[in-house]
Amino acid sequence: MTEEKSAVVGSAVIGTPDTLPADPTGTGALEYGAPTLTVQLKMLDDGLEPPSYAHPGDAGADLRARADVVLEPGERRLVPTGVSIALPDGFVALIHPRSGLATKHGLTVVNAPGTVDAGYRGEIAVTLLNTDRDQAIELRRGDRIAQMVIQRVEYARFLPVKELDDSVRGAGGFGSTGGFGAPA
């Protein structure tokens, strides 16, 4: 960190005065929902809106369909977004379903969350699935279809051992902490 309280991470600069809003209170605090990371963005389709946050403080930036798509019941399809980004090293973009589309229409992201690695420079595409049993879902070019959440990543060094440290949970997995009873 420099005296300006900025850091260079990969190709992005985090927290520099020229990329972030001014501190309106003089306390060193940023405005609620103010950007804290600069990500290079290349729009592959000038007719689409770039990723954007619907409200200050939202975690996910909306991604839009680049083409009209009809998903029949149970059908899945890779839908392009017209967006390409350059994330700095140490960050990932996770692609999540939009909750309203999931609840109202049964539209989800098959591999949720989808992963966009820092080194990827191609178009972000979303594998959508219509989970509705009866109704097709019609998406139009420009419709918001998913949300992109950008997060820091920890890189693990995997250390081979003969035995793992004990824990309270141990090897208990799927359903081991209770919930619904065993099937009859």
C-alpha atoms as a PDB file:
ATOM      1  CA  MET A   1       0.000   0.000   0.000  1.00  0.00           C
ATOM      2  CA  THR A   2       1.208   3.489  -0.747  1.00  0.00           C
ATOM      3  CA  GLU A   3       0.479   6.632   1.191  1.00  0.00           C
ATOM      4  CA  GLU A   4      -2.560   7.132  -1.058  1.00  0.00           C
ATOM      5  CA  LYS A   5      -3.991   3.888   0.356  1.00  0.00           C
ATOM      6  CA  SER A   6      -3.943   2.066  -2.962  1.00  0.00           C
ATOM      7  CA  ALA A   7      -2.734  -1.344  -4.008  1.00  0.00           C
ATOM      8  CA  VAL A   8      -1.934  -2.833  -7.388  1.00  0.00           C
ATOM      9  CA  VAL A   9      -3.312  -6.336  -7.809  1.00  0.00           C
ATOM     10  CA  GLY A  10      -2.639  -7.812 -11.242  1.00  0.00           C
ATOM     11  CA  SER A  11      -3.892  -5.273 -13.773  1.00  0.00           C
ATOM     12  CA  ALA A  12      -6.281  -3.501 -11.395  1.00  0.00           C
ATOM     13  CA  VAL A  13      -5.695  -0.697  -8.981  1.00  0.00           C
ATOM     14  CA  ILE A  14      -7.718  -0.975  -5.797  1.00  0.00           C
ATOM     15  CA  GLY A  15      -8.655   2.028  -3.723  1.00  0.00           C
ATOM     16  CA  THR A  16      -7.012   4.900  -5.595  1.00  0.00           C
ATOM     17  CA  PRO A  17      -8.475   8.381  -5.315  1.00  0.00           C
ATOM     18  CA  ASP A  18      -8.813   8.690  -9.110  1.00  0.00           C
ATOM     19  CA  THR A  19     -11.028   5.581  -9.425  1.00  0.00           C
ATOM     20  CA  LEU A  20     -13.160   5.831  -6.288  1.00  0.00           C
ATOM     21  CA  PRO A  21     -15.675   8.429  -5.120  1.00  0.00           C
ATOM     22  CA  ALA A  22     -14.446  11.170  -2.832  1.00  0.00           C
ATOM     23  CA  ASP A  23     -14.909  10.757   0.907  1.00  0.00           C
ATOM     24  CA  PRO A  24     -17.885  13.032   1.603  1.00  0.00           C
ATOM     25  CA  THR A  25     -17.520  12.895   5.388  1.00  0.00           C
ATOM     26  CA  GLY A  26     -13.752  13.291   5.742  1.00  0.00           C
ATOM     27  CA  THR A  27     -13.651  10.121   7.882  1.00  0.00           C
ATOM     28  CA  GLY A  28     -11.960   7.866   5.332  1.00  0.00           C
ATOM     29  CA  ALA A  29     -15.211   5.984   4.702  1.00  0.00           C
ATOM     30  CA  LEU A  30     -16.495   5.441   1.183  1.00  0.00           C
ATOM     31  CA  GLU A  31     -20.085   6.081   0.187  1.00  0.00           C
ATOM     32  CA  TYR A  32     -22.382   3.062   0.624  1.00  0.00           C
ATOM     33  CA  GLY A  33     -22.097   0.862  -2.455  1.00  0.00           C
ATOM     34  CA  ALA A  34     -19.163   2.826  -3.896  1.00  0.00           C
ATOM     35  CA  PRO A  35     -16.832   0.842  -6.192  1.00  0.00           C
ATOM     36  CA  THR A  36     -13.810  -0.675  -4.456  1.00  0.00           C
ATOM     37  CA  LEU A  37     -12.254  -2.387  -7.481  1.00  0.00           C
ATOM     38  CA  THR A  38     -11.612  -1.402 -11.088  1.00  0.00           C
ATOM     39  CA  VAL A  39     -12.167  -4.192 -13.631  1.00  0.00           C
ATOM     40  CA  GLN A  40     -11.375  -3.781 -17.322  1.00  0.00           C
ATOM     41  CA  LEU A  41     -14.523  -4.309 -19.414  1.00  0.00           C
ATOM     42  CA  LYS A  42     -14.783  -4.978 -23.151  1.00  0.00           C
ATOM     43  CA  MET A  43     -18.302  -4.883 -24.545  1.00  0.00           C
ATOM     44  CA  LEU A  44     -18.528  -7.228 -27.528  1.00  0.00           C
ATOM     45  CA  ASP A  45     -21.917  -5.833 -28.551  1.00  0.00           C
ATOM     46  CA  ASP A  46     -22.413  -2.051 -28.571  1.00  0.00           C
ATOM     47  CA  GLY A  47     -26.186  -2.462 -28.436  1.00  0.00           C
ATOM     48  CA  LEU A  48     -26.194  -3.977 -24.924  1.00  0.00           C
ATOM     49  CA  GLU A  49     -25.930  -2.268 -21.567  1.00  0.00           C
ATOM     50  CA  PRO A  50     -22.754  -3.113 -19.636  1.00  0.00           C
ATOM     51  CA  PRO A  51     -22.968  -5.028 -16.342  1.00  0.00           C
ATOM     52  CA  SER A  52     -24.538  -2.825 -13.694  1.00  0.00           C
ATOM     53  CA  TYR A  53     -25.764  -2.918 -10.119  1.00  0.00           C
ATOM     54  CA  ALA A  54     -29.493  -2.295  -9.679  1.00  0.00           C
ATOM     55  CA  HIS A  55     -29.085  -0.670  -6.241  1.00  0.00           C
ATOM     56  CA  PRO A  56     -26.213   0.705  -4.148  1.00  0.00           C
ATOM     57  CA  GLY A  57     -24.748  -2.112  -2.065  1.00  0.00           C
ATOM     58  CA  ASP A  58     -25.971  -4.924  -4.344  1.00  0.00           C
ATOM     59  CA  ALA A  59     -23.436  -7.753  -4.552  1.00  0.00           C
ATOM     60  CA  GLY A  60     -24.326  -8.850  -8.081  1.00  0.00           C
ATOM     61  CA  ALA A  61     -24.038  -6.872 -11.314  1.00  0.00           C
ATOM     62  CA  ASP A  62     -26.676  -7.822 -13.860  1.00  0.00           C
ATOM     63  CA  LEU A  63     -25.647  -9.575 -17.075  1.00  0.00           C
ATOM     64  CA  ARG A  64     -27.893  -9.424 -20.147  1.00  0.00           C
ATOM     65  CA  ALA A  65     -28.764 -11.828 -22.952  1.00  0.00           C
ATOM     66  CA  ARG A  66     -26.987 -11.069 -26.234  1.00  0.00           C
ATOM     67  CA  ALA A  67     -29.637 -12.903 -28.284  1.00  0.00           C
ATOM     68  CA  ASP A  68     -33.306 -13.871 -28.161  1.00  0.00           C
ATOM     69  CA  VAL A  69     -33.712 -17.317 -26.599  1.00  0.00           C
ATOM     70  CA  VAL A  70     -36.688 -19.605 -25.970  1.00  0.00           C
ATOM     71  CA  LEU A  71     -36.080 -22.320 -23.385  1.00  0.00           C
ATOM     72  CA  GLU A  72     -38.647 -25.106 -23.474  1.00  0.00           C
ATOM     73  CA  PRO A  73     -39.475 -26.942 -20.217  1.00  0.00           C
ATOM     74  CA  GLY A  74     -36.364 -28.798 -19.034  1.00  0.00           C
ATOM     75  CA  GLU A  75     -34.177 -27.246 -21.758  1.00  0.00           C
ATOM     76  CA  ARG A  76     -30.749 -25.767 -21.082  1.00  0.00           C
ATOM     77  CA  ARG A  77     -28.789 -23.421 -23.316  1.00  0.00           C
ATOM     78  CA  LEU A  78     -25.515 -21.492 -23.291  1.00  0.00           C
ATOM     79  CA  VAL A  79     -26.514 -17.822 -23.604  1.00  0.00           C
ATOM     80  CA  PRO A  80     -23.878 -15.219 -24.541  1.00  0.00           C
ATOM     81  CA  THR A  81     -23.793 -11.879 -22.674  1.00  0.00           C
ATOM     82  CA  GLY A  82     -21.614  -9.712 -24.927  1.00  0.00           C
ATOM     83  CA  VAL A  83     -19.294  -9.076 -21.965  1.00  0.00           C
ATOM     84  CA  SER A  84     -15.581  -9.776 -21.661  1.00  0.00           C
ATOM     85  CA  ILE A  85     -13.579  -8.728 -18.583  1.00  0.00           C
ATOM     86  CA  ALA A  86     -10.011  -8.744 -17.307  1.00  0.00           C
ATOM     87  CA  LEU A  87     -10.102  -9.538 -13.598  1.00  0.00           C
ATOM     88  CA  PRO A  88      -6.958  -8.854 -11.607  1.00  0.00           C
ATOM     89  CA  ASP A  89      -5.028 -11.809 -10.206  1.00  0.00           C
ATOM     90  CA  GLY A  90      -6.569 -12.900  -6.913  1.00  0.00           C
ATOM     91  CA  PHE A  91     -10.187 -12.306  -7.979  1.00  0.00           C
ATOM     92  CA  VAL A  92     -12.977 -14.422  -9.483  1.00  0.00           C
ATOM     93  CA  ALA A  93     -16.360 -13.553 -10.983  1.00  0.00           C
ATOM     94  CA  LEU A  94     -19.116 -15.907  -9.858  1.00  0.00           C
ATOM     95  CA  ILE A  95     -22.241 -16.093 -12.015  1.00  0.00           C
ATOM     96  CA  HIS A  96     -25.447 -16.579 -10.035  1.00  0.00           C
ATOM     97  CA  PRO A  97     -29.112 -16.951 -11.029  1.00  0.00           C
ATOM     98  CA  ARG A  98     -31.368 -13.930 -10.606  1.00  0.00           C
ATOM     99  CA  SER A  99     -33.729 -14.741  -7.748  1.00  0.00           C
ATOM    100  CA  GLY A 100     -36.829 -13.211  -9.358  1.00  0.00           C
ATOM    101  CA  LEU A 101     -36.411 -15.267 -12.543  1.00  0.00           C
ATOM    102  CA  ALA A 102     -35.780 -18.395 -10.485  1.00  0.00           C
ATOM    103  CA  THR A 103     -38.861 -17.879  -8.314  1.00  0.00           C
ATOM    104  CA  LYS A 104     -41.301 -16.650 -10.961  1.00  0.00           C
ATOM    105  CA  HIS A 105     -40.199 -18.716 -13.958  1.00  0.00           C
ATOM    106  CA  GLY A 106     -37.924 -21.523 -12.741  1.00  0.00           C
ATOM    107  CA  LEU A 107     -34.920 -20.125 -14.613  1.00  0.00           C
ATOM    108  CA  THR A 108     -31.587 -21.050 -13.087  1.00  0.00           C
ATOM    109  CA  VAL A 109     -27.885 -21.273 -13.871  1.00  0.00           C
ATOM    110  CA  VAL A 110     -26.979 -24.951 -14.320  1.00  0.00           C
ATOM    111  CA  ASN A 111     -23.498 -24.801 -12.785  1.00  0.00           C
ATOM    112  CA  ALA A 112     -24.385 -22.143 -10.205  1.00  0.00           C
ATOM    113  CA  PRO A 113     -22.315 -20.382  -9.432  1.00  0.00           C
ATOM    114  CA  GLY A 114     -20.495 -20.322 -12.744  1.00  0.00           C
ATOM    115  CA  THR A 115     -16.818 -19.413 -12.433  1.00  0.00           C
ATOM    116  CA  VAL A 116     -14.968 -16.789 -14.476  1.00  0.00           C
ATOM    117  CA  ASP A 117     -11.267 -17.103 -13.660  1.00  0.00           C
ATOM    118  CA  ALA A 118      -8.939 -14.092 -13.588  1.00  0.00           C
ATOM    119  CA  GLY A 119      -7.035 -15.311 -16.646  1.00  0.00           C
ATOM    120  CA  TYR A 120     -10.122 -15.739 -18.876  1.00  0.00           C
ATOM    121  CA  ARG A 121     -10.562 -13.056 -21.551  1.00  0.00           C
ATOM    122  CA  GLY A 122     -13.353 -14.502 -23.695  1.00  0.00           C
ATOM    123  CA  GLU A 123     -17.049 -13.700 -23.743  1.00  0.00           C
ATOM    124  CA  ILE A 124     -18.939 -14.546 -20.570  1.00  0.00           C
ATOM    125  CA  ALA A 125     -21.762 -16.944 -21.420  1.00  0.00           C
ATOM    126  CA  VAL A 126     -24.306 -18.355 -18.984  1.00  0.00           C
ATOM    127  CA  THR A 127     -25.696 -21.918 -19.070  1.00  0.00           C
ATOM    128  CA  LEU A 128     -29.374 -21.367 -18.313  1.00  0.00           C
ATOM    129  CA  LEU A 129     -31.908 -24.084 -17.455  1.00  0.00           C
ATOM    130  CA  ASN A 130     -35.693 -23.853 -17.511  1.00  0.00           C
ATOM    131  CA  THR A 131     -36.813 -25.945 -14.533  1.00  0.00           C
ATOM    132  CA  ASP A 132     -40.519 -25.331 -15.180  1.00  0.00           C
ATOM    133  CA  ARG A 133     -42.308 -28.554 -16.180  1.00  0.00           C
ATOM    134  CA  ASP A 134     -44.948 -26.911 -18.359  1.00  0.00           C
ATOM    135  CA  GLN A 135     -44.050 -23.401 -19.525  1.00  0.00           C
ATOM    136  CA  ALA A 136     -41.373 -22.222 -21.955  1.00  0.00           C
ATOM    137  CA  ILE A 137     -39.338 -19.155 -20.978  1.00  0.00           C
ATOM    138  CA  GLU A 138     -38.873 -16.488 -23.607  1.00  0.00           C
ATOM    139  CA  LEU A 139     -35.853 -14.229 -23.163  1.00  0.00           C
ATOM    140  CA  ARG A 140     -35.233 -11.199 -25.346  1.00  0.00           C
ATOM    141  CA  ARG A 141     -31.940  -9.589 -26.267  1.00  0.00           C
ATOM    142  CA  GLY A 142     -31.056  -7.191 -23.443  1.00  0.00           C
ATOM    143  CA  ASP A 143     -33.040  -9.040 -20.744  1.00  0.00           C
ATOM    144  CA  ARG A 144     -31.207  -9.433 -17.440  1.00  0.00           C
ATOM    145  CA  ILE A 145     -30.458 -13.164 -17.149  1.00  0.00           C
ATOM    146  CA  ALA A 146     -27.886 -13.602 -14.368  1.00  0.00           C
ATOM    147  CA  GLN A 147     -25.786 -11.675 -11.890  1.00  0.00           C
ATOM    148  CA  MET A 148     -22.018 -11.500 -11.568  1.00  0.00           C
ATOM    149  CA  VAL A 149     -20.454 -11.326  -8.095  1.00  0.00           C
ATOM    150  CA  ILE A 150     -16.742 -10.482  -7.944  1.00  0.00           C
ATOM    151  CA  GLN A 151     -14.799 -11.845  -4.966  1.00  0.00           C
ATOM    152  CA  ARG A 152     -11.267 -12.258  -3.725  1.00  0.00           C
ATOM    153  CA  VAL A 153      -9.730 -15.723  -4.035  1.00  0.00           C
ATOM    154  CA  GLU A 154      -7.409 -17.561  -1.684  1.00  0.00           C
ATOM    155  CA  TYR A 155      -4.848 -19.862  -3.303  1.00  0.00           C
ATOM    156  CA  ALA A 156      -4.218 -23.030  -1.293  1.00  0.00           C
ATOM    157  CA  ARG A 157      -1.009 -24.964  -0.941  1.00  0.00           C
ATOM    158  CA  PHE A 158      -2.120 -28.580  -0.521  1.00  0.00           C
ATOM    159  CA  LEU A 159      -0.018 -30.396   2.059  1.00  0.00           C
ATOM    160  CA  PRO A 160      -0.227 -34.212   1.887  1.00  0.00           C
ATOM    161  CA  VAL A 161      -0.627 -35.821   5.339  1.00  0.00           C
ATOM    162  CA  LYS A 162      -1.350 -39.355   6.555  1.00  0.00           C
ATOM    163  CA  GLU A 163      -4.160 -38.194   8.878  1.00  0.00           C
ATOM    164  CA  LEU A 164      -6.218 -35.020   9.088  1.00  0.00           C
ATOM    165  CA  ASP A 165      -6.630 -33.013  12.287  1.00  0.00           C
ATOM    166  CA  ASP A 166      -9.726 -33.952  14.319  1.00  0.00           C
ATOM    167  CA  SER A 167     -12.809 -31.731  14.316  1.00  0.00           C
ATOM    168  CA  VAL A 168     -16.156 -31.733  16.096  1.00  0.00           C
ATOM    169  CA  ARG A 169     -17.961 -32.681  12.881  1.00  0.00           C
ATOM    170  CA  GLY A 170     -15.528 -35.318  11.712  1.00  0.00           C
ATOM    171  CA  ALA A 171     -16.535 -37.138   8.520  1.00  0.00           C
ATOM    172  CA  GLY A 172     -20.281 -36.461   8.927  1.00  0.00           C
ATOM    173  CA  GLY A 173     -21.721 -35.195   5.658  1.00  0.00           C
ATOM    174  CA  PHE A 174     -24.971 -35.031   3.733  1.00  0.00           C
ATOM    175  CA  GLY A 175     -27.759 -34.789   6.329  1.00  0.00           C
ATOM    176  CA  SER A 176     -25.570 -35.667   9.316  1.00  0.00           C
ATOM    177  CA  THR A 177     -26.651 -32.617  11.325  1.00  0.00           C
ATOM    178  CA  GLY A 178     -30.367 -33.381  11.246  1.00  0.00           C
ATOM    179  CA  GLY A 179     -33.285 -32.053   9.313  1.00  0.00           C
ATOM    180  CA  PHE A 180     -35.773 -34.327   7.643  1.00  0.00           C
ATOM    181  CA  GLY A 181     -36.084 -37.919   8.795  1.00  0.00           C
ATOM    182  CA  ALA A 182     -34.963 -40.921   6.804  1.00  0.00           C
ATOM    183  CA  PRO A 183     -37.169 -41.883   3.851  1.00  0.00           C
ATOM    184  CA  ALA A 184     -39.825 -44.460   4.686  1.00  0.00           C
END
